[in-house]
Amino acid sequence: MYKSFFPLFCLCTSLFISACGGGGGGSSTKPPTIDDARIVPHTMLETAASATASSNINFTPSGIIKSSGTNIVSTTFDRESVGLKIIVGESVLDTATQSVDDPLQKRPLLIPPIRRHHMRDWTLFEVSDTGTQAATVFVSWHNEDPTDYLAGGYWMSMAGNLGADSITAVETGTFIDGPEFLSTPTIPVDGTAHYRGRAAGMYTYAYGPMWQQFDPRLENGLKETGEYSGTATFMADFSTSTIQGCIGCVENLETTGAIVYPDGRRDSLYTNLSLASIKFAPSPINQDGTFTGTQLSIVIGDPVLQINLPVTDIQGSWGGKFSSRSASDGSGDPRLVAGTSGIQFGHPDGSHGVFVGNFFATKEITQ
């Protein structure tokens, strides 16, 4: 059992986390797992995640995408079987045939942010000698209305043989998709609205020498990859046609990952609270209800713990669209806002990380 101090992503009462067993992987004699896909080869995965973070927002007829490639994403949902199909370019990810148990010890999903909705998520994994598809996806749906669902997630597509450690290319991406984006929403001309919901995605981080001051076992070159989730909040000012927001400001993000040591050993991490929060500066809302922005910032620290790490070289973008469905309070405001985001950053010692994911948030209604 390995114990270590990870103040960037993990915040516990004792400031310690435990990595459970799960070393190994990437062998021609042992079938590869979803954890192998998360960390092998780590440098390629970092490069793809960084490209996704810096990529332009891609609006499709029913959704929003950020990707290191050019693939378009679409979804179909069967509420009778509660099954989701995600078409990524020419590949099809199907929850009916590709769902697997995930070794990452993630916490259960929170109550669905959308009123009268149910929510479910899956880890998808399919491996062959020539390529591997891996993804984490979710769907939020109304039981009585087949046209009322919202799907999202992130994917990793790898060319080559994962089991033989011979991956030749990696693509990553994140999406949000649903019928309510098929129509143009009606955007109010005045007033404000606050939205609150869920954000989720993937992250990578490489530890530099500054971490030795916190724990000597945090070796320079230790790398971590996994998933994050948490609360997203937004404020739309319709009088100025702008929207701004934050992921991780009102409640800590949670991270769950896999790590690879400089000597090649691997382990999995429990879910813990993160010290990172991502802020989106005000961005213009277009007449069709879409918006994009490149002014992002990330804070890594905690005033109570007196931790405040310097961050440099921030790059990325975010964007989304308002729903064509109206909020249930009769205000005429859109009922939700959804989109994708990506941010990459560094530290003066060479440590660096990436967050890439999706978000959706419903209007906060006060009775």
Protein backbone atom coordinates (compact mmCIF):
# COMPACT_ATOMS: atom_id res chain seq x y z
CA MET A 1 0.00 0.00 0.00
CA TYR A 2 1.48 3.30 -1.12
CA LYS A 3 0.68 6.56 0.61
CA SER A 4 1.51 9.94 -0.81
CA PHE A 5 0.73 13.64 -0.53
CA PHE A 6 -1.00 15.03 -3.62
CA PRO A 7 -2.01 18.64 -2.80
CA LEU A 8 -2.74 19.52 -6.42
CA PHE A 9 -5.63 17.16 -6.97
CA CYS A 10 -6.43 15.63 -3.61
CA LEU A 11 -7.57 17.16 -0.34
CA CYS A 12 -8.30 14.92 2.65
CA THR A 13 -8.46 15.62 6.36
CA SER A 14 -5.01 14.12 6.74
CA LEU A 15 -3.78 15.47 3.39
CA PHE A 16 -2.94 11.92 2.38
CA ILE A 17 -4.34 9.58 -0.24
CA SER A 18 -3.88 5.87 -0.75
CA ALA A 19 -3.17 4.16 -4.03
CA CYS A 20 -4.75 0.75 -4.28
CA GLY A 21 -3.23 -2.17 -6.15
CA GLY A 22 -3.39 -2.26 -9.90
CA GLY A 23 0.21 -2.15 -11.02
CA GLY A 24 1.38 -3.83 -14.17
CA GLY A 25 -0.56 -3.92 -17.43
CA GLY A 26 0.63 -3.43 -20.98
CA SER A 27 1.77 -7.00 -21.53
CA SER A 28 1.38 -9.42 -24.41
CA THR A 29 0.54 -12.18 -21.86
CA LYS A 30 -2.02 -10.18 -19.88
CA PRO A 31 -5.11 -8.63 -21.47
CA PRO A 32 -4.99 -4.82 -21.23
CA THR A 33 -7.45 -2.98 -19.00
CA ILE A 34 -9.14 0.41 -19.01
CA ASP A 35 -6.41 1.63 -16.64
CA ASP A 36 -3.78 0.74 -19.25
CA ALA A 37 -5.64 2.90 -21.74
CA ARG A 38 -5.52 5.82 -19.28
CA ILE A 39 -1.75 5.81 -18.90
CA VAL A 40 -0.07 3.99 -21.81
CA PRO A 41 1.73 5.63 -23.48
CA HIS A 42 1.40 8.60 -21.15
CA THR A 43 3.31 11.14 -23.27
CA MET A 44 1.02 10.52 -26.26
CA LEU A 45 -2.03 10.87 -24.03
CA GLU A 46 -0.71 14.17 -22.62
CA THR A 47 -0.11 15.47 -26.13
CA ALA A 48 -3.60 14.52 -27.28
CA ALA A 49 -5.23 16.03 -24.17
CA SER A 50 -3.29 19.27 -24.68
CA ALA A 51 -4.39 19.41 -28.32
CA THR A 52 -8.00 18.89 -27.21
CA ALA A 53 -7.73 21.67 -24.62
CA SER A 54 -6.42 24.12 -27.23
CA SER A 55 -8.80 23.04 -30.01
CA ASN A 56 -11.68 25.16 -31.24
CA ILE A 57 -15.20 24.51 -30.08
CA ASN A 58 -17.08 22.53 -32.73
CA PHE A 59 -20.85 22.99 -32.87
CA THR A 60 -22.88 20.17 -34.42
CA PRO A 61 -26.64 20.24 -35.11
CA SER A 62 -27.31 18.70 -31.68
CA GLY A 63 -24.22 19.29 -29.58
CA ILE A 64 -20.82 20.72 -28.74
CA ILE A 65 -17.43 19.01 -29.19
CA LYS A 66 -13.78 19.59 -28.30
CA SER A 67 -11.35 17.11 -29.85
CA SER A 68 -7.70 16.60 -30.81
CA GLY A 69 -8.97 15.20 -34.12
CA THR A 70 -11.66 16.01 -36.65
CA ASN A 71 -14.29 13.45 -35.72
CA ILE A 72 -17.93 14.50 -35.38
CA VAL A 73 -19.96 13.04 -32.52
CA SER A 74 -23.66 12.14 -32.44
CA THR A 75 -25.74 10.06 -30.04
CA THR A 76 -28.91 7.98 -29.94
CA PHE A 77 -30.63 7.01 -26.70
CA ASP A 78 -33.08 4.15 -26.14
CA ARG A 79 -35.01 4.94 -22.98
CA GLU A 80 -36.71 1.51 -22.94
CA SER A 81 -33.42 -0.32 -22.53
CA VAL A 82 -31.60 2.73 -21.10
CA GLY A 83 -28.94 2.27 -23.75
CA LEU A 84 -26.72 4.89 -25.37
CA LYS A 85 -24.86 4.76 -28.69
CA ILE A 86 -22.15 7.31 -29.42
CA ILE A 87 -20.88 7.64 -32.99
CA VAL A 88 -17.36 9.12 -33.06
CA GLY A 89 -16.39 9.50 -36.70
CA GLU A 90 -16.60 5.96 -38.08
CA SER A 91 -16.48 4.30 -34.65
CA VAL A 92 -19.53 3.33 -32.60
CA LEU A 93 -19.42 3.16 -28.81
CA ASP A 94 -22.37 1.17 -27.47
CA THR A 95 -23.27 0.84 -23.79
CA ALA A 96 -25.02 -2.47 -24.53
CA THR A 97 -21.87 -4.23 -25.71
CA GLN A 98 -18.84 -2.26 -24.53
CA SER A 99 -19.66 -1.39 -20.91
CA VAL A 100 -17.10 -2.66 -18.37
CA ASP A 101 -16.53 -2.45 -14.65
CA ASP A 102 -14.12 0.36 -13.84
CA PRO A 103 -11.29 -0.29 -11.33
CA LEU A 104 -11.28 3.40 -10.41
CA GLN A 105 -13.18 3.75 -7.14
CA LYS A 106 -15.46 6.61 -8.14
CA ARG A 107 -18.28 7.98 -6.03
CA PRO A 108 -21.89 7.54 -7.19
CA LEU A 109 -23.51 10.17 -9.41
CA LEU A 110 -25.24 13.03 -7.66
CA ILE A 111 -28.96 13.78 -8.04
CA PRO A 112 -29.63 14.68 -11.71
CA PRO A 113 -29.49 18.48 -12.13
CA ILE A 114 -32.38 18.41 -14.64
CA ARG A 115 -35.82 18.39 -13.06
CA ARG A 116 -37.70 15.05 -13.33
CA HIS A 117 -34.70 13.38 -14.95
CA HIS A 118 -32.92 10.11 -14.22
CA MET A 119 -29.19 9.77 -14.74
CA ARG A 120 -26.73 6.96 -15.47
CA ASP A 121 -23.10 6.65 -16.51
CA TRP A 122 -20.91 3.94 -18.07
CA THR A 123 -17.26 3.15 -18.65
CA LEU A 124 -16.77 1.80 -22.19
CA PHE A 125 -13.78 -0.21 -23.38
CA GLU A 126 -13.07 -2.21 -26.52
CA VAL A 127 -9.62 -3.48 -27.46
CA SER A 128 -8.24 -5.28 -30.51
CA ASP A 129 -4.80 -5.92 -31.97
CA THR A 130 -5.09 -2.80 -34.12
CA GLY A 131 -6.84 -0.27 -31.90
CA THR A 132 -8.54 0.56 -28.61
CA GLN A 133 -11.60 2.65 -27.80
CA ALA A 134 -12.20 3.86 -24.25
CA ALA A 135 -14.73 6.33 -22.90
CA THR A 136 -16.74 7.48 -19.92
CA VAL A 137 -20.25 8.62 -20.86
CA PHE A 138 -23.49 9.57 -19.16
CA VAL A 139 -27.11 10.23 -20.05
CA SER A 140 -29.77 12.26 -18.24
CA TRP A 141 -33.31 11.50 -19.42
CA HIS A 142 -37.02 12.03 -18.84
CA ASN A 143 -38.90 8.73 -18.55
CA GLU A 144 -42.04 10.01 -20.27
CA ASP A 145 -40.50 12.05 -23.09
CA PRO A 146 -38.14 10.26 -25.51
CA THR A 147 -37.08 13.58 -27.03
CA ASP A 148 -35.86 14.88 -23.68
CA TYR A 149 -32.38 13.56 -22.95
CA LEU A 150 -28.87 14.92 -22.62
CA ALA A 151 -25.74 12.83 -23.19
CA GLY A 152 -22.09 13.62 -22.70
CA GLY A 153 -18.68 12.23 -21.95
CA TYR A 154 -15.11 11.91 -23.12
CA TRP A 155 -13.32 9.35 -25.27
CA MET A 156 -9.81 8.08 -26.04
CA SER A 157 -9.10 6.42 -29.36
CA MET A 158 -5.77 4.61 -29.74
CA ALA A 159 -4.24 3.15 -32.87
CA GLY A 160 -1.96 0.15 -32.42
CA ASN A 161 -1.76 -2.74 -29.99
CA LEU A 162 -2.35 -1.63 -26.39
CA GLY A 163 -1.58 -5.09 -25.00
CA ALA A 164 1.87 -5.05 -26.61
CA ASP A 165 2.63 -1.44 -25.63
CA SER A 166 2.80 -0.50 -29.31
CA ILE A 167 0.34 2.41 -29.54
CA THR A 168 1.16 4.62 -32.53
CA ALA A 169 -1.40 7.44 -32.17
CA VAL A 170 -3.90 8.75 -29.60
CA GLU A 171 -6.97 10.95 -30.07
CA THR A 172 -9.02 12.38 -27.21
CA GLY A 173 -12.21 14.39 -27.12
CA THR A 174 -15.22 15.43 -25.10
CA PHE A 175 -18.82 16.16 -26.08
CA ILE A 176 -22.31 17.11 -24.96
CA ASP A 177 -25.28 16.18 -27.14
CA GLY A 178 -29.07 16.24 -27.02
CA PRO A 179 -32.29 17.01 -28.93
CA GLU A 180 -32.80 20.34 -27.17
CA PHE A 181 -29.90 21.82 -29.14
CA LEU A 182 -31.52 21.04 -32.49
CA SER A 183 -33.55 24.27 -32.36
CA THR A 184 -32.42 27.85 -31.85
CA PRO A 185 -33.18 29.02 -28.29
CA THR A 186 -34.93 32.26 -27.42
CA ILE A 187 -32.45 34.42 -25.53
CA PRO A 188 -33.89 37.13 -23.24
CA VAL A 189 -32.80 40.72 -23.80
CA ASP A 190 -32.55 41.69 -20.13
CA GLY A 191 -32.20 40.26 -16.65
CA THR A 192 -29.83 37.67 -15.24
CA ALA A 193 -30.05 33.94 -14.57
CA HIS A 194 -27.92 31.64 -12.44
CA TYR A 195 -27.26 28.06 -13.51
CA ARG A 196 -25.87 25.16 -11.50
CA GLY A 197 -25.06 21.60 -12.51
CA ARG A 198 -22.36 19.07 -13.26
CA ALA A 199 -18.93 19.05 -14.90
CA ALA A 200 -16.89 15.95 -15.72
CA GLY A 201 -13.98 14.89 -17.89
CA MET A 202 -10.40 13.68 -17.97
CA TYR A 203 -7.17 15.15 -16.62
CA THR A 204 -3.45 14.50 -16.86
CA TYR A 205 -0.70 15.82 -14.61
CA ALA A 206 3.09 15.46 -14.53
CA TYR A 207 4.85 16.19 -11.23
CA GLY A 208 8.04 18.26 -11.13
CA PRO A 209 10.67 18.68 -8.40
CA MET A 210 8.67 21.24 -6.34
CA TRP A 211 6.51 18.41 -4.98
CA GLN A 212 9.45 17.06 -2.99
CA GLN A 213 8.83 19.78 -0.38
CA PHE A 214 5.43 18.25 0.33
CA ASP A 215 6.42 14.59 0.23
CA PRO A 216 9.85 13.14 -0.73
CA ARG A 217 8.09 10.14 -2.29
CA LEU A 218 6.62 12.35 -5.00
CA GLU A 219 9.33 11.69 -7.52
CA ASN A 220 10.13 14.14 -10.27
CA GLY A 221 8.49 12.64 -13.36
CA LEU A 222 5.59 10.91 -11.61
CA LYS A 223 2.53 11.13 -13.90
CA GLU A 224 -1.18 10.87 -13.20
CA THR A 225 -4.17 10.49 -15.49
CA GLY A 226 -7.82 10.06 -14.60
CA GLU A 227 -11.26 11.56 -14.33
CA TYR A 228 -12.61 14.62 -12.59
CA SER A 229 -16.18 15.57 -11.68
CA GLY A 230 -17.87 18.29 -9.69
CA THR A 231 -20.24 21.22 -9.56
CA ALA A 232 -20.39 23.81 -12.35
CA THR A 233 -21.93 27.25 -11.82
CA PHE A 234 -22.70 29.96 -14.39
CA MET A 235 -24.21 33.43 -14.45
CA ALA A 236 -25.85 34.73 -17.61
CA ASP A 237 -26.33 38.48 -17.89
CA PHE A 238 -28.82 38.82 -20.70
CA SER A 239 -28.74 42.63 -20.57
CA THR A 240 -25.07 42.56 -21.65
CA SER A 241 -25.35 39.24 -23.56
CA THR A 242 -22.53 37.60 -21.61
CA ILE A 243 -22.00 34.42 -19.61
CA GLN A 244 -19.31 33.52 -17.07
CA GLY A 245 -18.77 30.54 -14.80
CA CYS A 246 -16.62 28.27 -12.71
CA ILE A 247 -15.98 24.57 -12.15
CA GLY A 248 -15.01 23.73 -8.60
CA CYS A 249 -15.70 27.09 -6.94
CA VAL A 250 -18.66 26.20 -4.71
CA GLU A 251 -17.65 22.59 -4.02
CA ASN A 252 -14.29 20.87 -4.54
CA LEU A 253 -13.77 18.87 -7.68
CA GLU A 254 -13.26 15.15 -7.21
CA THR A 255 -10.47 13.32 -9.02
CA THR A 256 -9.84 9.61 -9.50
CA GLY A 257 -6.83 8.46 -11.45
CA ALA A 258 -4.11 6.06 -12.42
CA ILE A 259 -0.44 6.84 -11.88
CA VAL A 260 2.76 5.77 -13.55
CA TYR A 261 6.09 6.08 -11.75
CA PRO A 262 9.35 7.09 -13.47
CA ASP A 263 10.46 3.44 -13.39
CA GLY A 264 7.27 2.31 -15.16
CA ARG A 265 5.33 0.92 -12.18
CA ARG A 266 1.60 1.72 -12.17
CA ASP A 267 -1.15 2.09 -9.59
CA SER A 268 -4.75 3.29 -9.26
CA LEU A 269 -5.94 6.07 -6.94
CA TYR A 270 -9.05 6.42 -4.85
CA THR A 271 -11.45 9.31 -5.41
CA ASN A 272 -10.41 12.42 -3.48
CA LEU A 273 -11.18 16.11 -3.35
CA SER A 274 -9.16 18.47 -5.53
CA LEU A 275 -7.48 21.81 -4.87
CA ALA A 276 -8.13 22.97 -8.45
CA SER A 277 -10.89 25.30 -9.64
CA ILE A 278 -11.33 26.50 -13.23
CA LYS A 279 -12.82 29.93 -13.94
CA PHE A 280 -14.35 31.20 -17.19
CA ALA A 281 -14.29 34.94 -17.81
CA PRO A 282 -17.38 36.68 -19.27
CA SER A 283 -17.92 35.72 -22.92
CA PRO A 284 -20.46 37.05 -25.45
CA ILE A 285 -23.70 35.15 -26.05
CA ASN A 286 -24.53 34.97 -29.77
CA GLN A 287 -28.03 35.38 -31.17
CA ASP A 288 -28.30 31.64 -31.81
CA GLY A 289 -27.58 30.92 -28.13
CA THR A 290 -24.00 29.76 -28.62
CA PHE A 291 -20.91 31.21 -26.95
CA THR A 292 -17.15 30.64 -26.97
CA GLY A 293 -14.29 32.07 -24.94
CA THR A 294 -10.53 31.78 -24.54
CA GLN A 295 -10.18 33.70 -21.29
CA LEU A 296 -9.77 30.97 -18.65
CA SER A 297 -7.88 30.73 -15.40
CA ILE A 298 -7.10 27.98 -12.93
CA VAL A 299 -6.50 28.31 -9.20
CA ILE A 300 -4.64 25.57 -7.36
CA GLY A 301 -4.64 26.06 -3.64
CA ASP A 302 -6.63 26.41 -0.46
CA PRO A 303 -6.57 29.43 1.89
CA VAL A 304 -7.31 27.33 4.96
CA LEU A 305 -4.37 25.04 4.24
CA GLN A 306 -2.28 28.04 3.15
CA ILE A 307 -1.50 26.41 -0.18
CA ASN A 308 -1.33 28.62 -3.27
CA LEU A 309 0.72 27.24 -6.15
CA PRO A 310 1.88 29.56 -8.95
CA VAL A 311 0.41 28.72 -12.35
CA THR A 312 1.91 29.69 -15.72
CA ASP A 313 1.36 29.16 -19.45
CA ILE A 314 -2.44 28.87 -19.30
CA GLN A 315 -4.08 28.00 -22.62
CA GLY A 316 -7.47 26.66 -23.58
CA SER A 317 -11.03 27.48 -24.55
CA TRP A 318 -14.61 26.87 -23.53
CA GLY A 319 -17.96 27.16 -25.19
CA GLY A 320 -21.51 25.97 -25.24
CA LYS A 321 -25.11 26.64 -26.04
CA PHE A 322 -28.36 27.43 -24.26
CA SER A 323 -31.26 24.99 -24.40
CA SER A 324 -34.23 25.63 -26.67
CA ARG A 325 -36.48 24.48 -23.80
CA SER A 326 -37.67 27.11 -21.32
CA ALA A 327 -37.20 27.02 -17.57
CA SER A 328 -40.18 25.78 -15.55
CA ASP A 329 -40.55 29.07 -13.64
CA GLY A 330 -42.29 30.83 -16.54
CA SER A 331 -39.51 33.38 -16.93
CA GLY A 332 -38.78 32.49 -20.53
CA ASP A 333 -35.13 31.90 -19.68
CA PRO A 334 -33.49 28.79 -21.16
CA ARG A 335 -33.79 25.85 -18.77
CA LEU A 336 -30.13 24.88 -19.07
CA VAL A 337 -26.75 25.68 -20.56
CA ALA A 338 -24.24 23.04 -21.66
CA GLY A 339 -20.87 22.83 -23.35
CA THR A 340 -17.27 21.68 -23.28
CA SER A 341 -14.03 23.13 -21.95
CA GLY A 342 -10.32 22.48 -21.88
CA ILE A 343 -7.40 24.10 -20.09
CA GLN A 344 -3.69 23.30 -19.98
CA PHE A 345 -1.24 24.92 -17.59
CA GLY A 346 2.19 24.65 -16.03
CA HIS A 347 4.24 25.61 -13.00
CA PRO A 348 7.68 27.27 -12.82
CA ASP A 349 9.36 23.95 -11.93
CA GLY A 350 8.08 22.20 -15.06
CA SER A 351 5.05 20.47 -13.53
CA HIS A 352 2.13 20.62 -15.93
CA GLY A 353 -1.46 19.48 -16.33
CA VAL A 354 -4.58 19.41 -18.50
CA PHE A 355 -8.33 19.33 -17.76
CA VAL A 356 -10.72 18.47 -20.63
CA GLY A 357 -14.43 17.85 -20.19
CA ASN A 358 -18.07 18.79 -20.51
CA PHE A 359 -20.61 20.60 -18.36
CA PHE A 360 -24.33 21.15 -18.11
CA ALA A 361 -26.22 23.33 -15.64
CA THR A 362 -29.92 24.08 -15.10
CA LYS A 363 -31.42 27.38 -14.08
CA GLU A 364 -31.60 27.89 -10.33
CA ILE A 365 -35.23 28.59 -9.45
CA THR A 366 -36.23 30.15 -6.16
CA GLN A 367 -39.74 29.49 -4.93
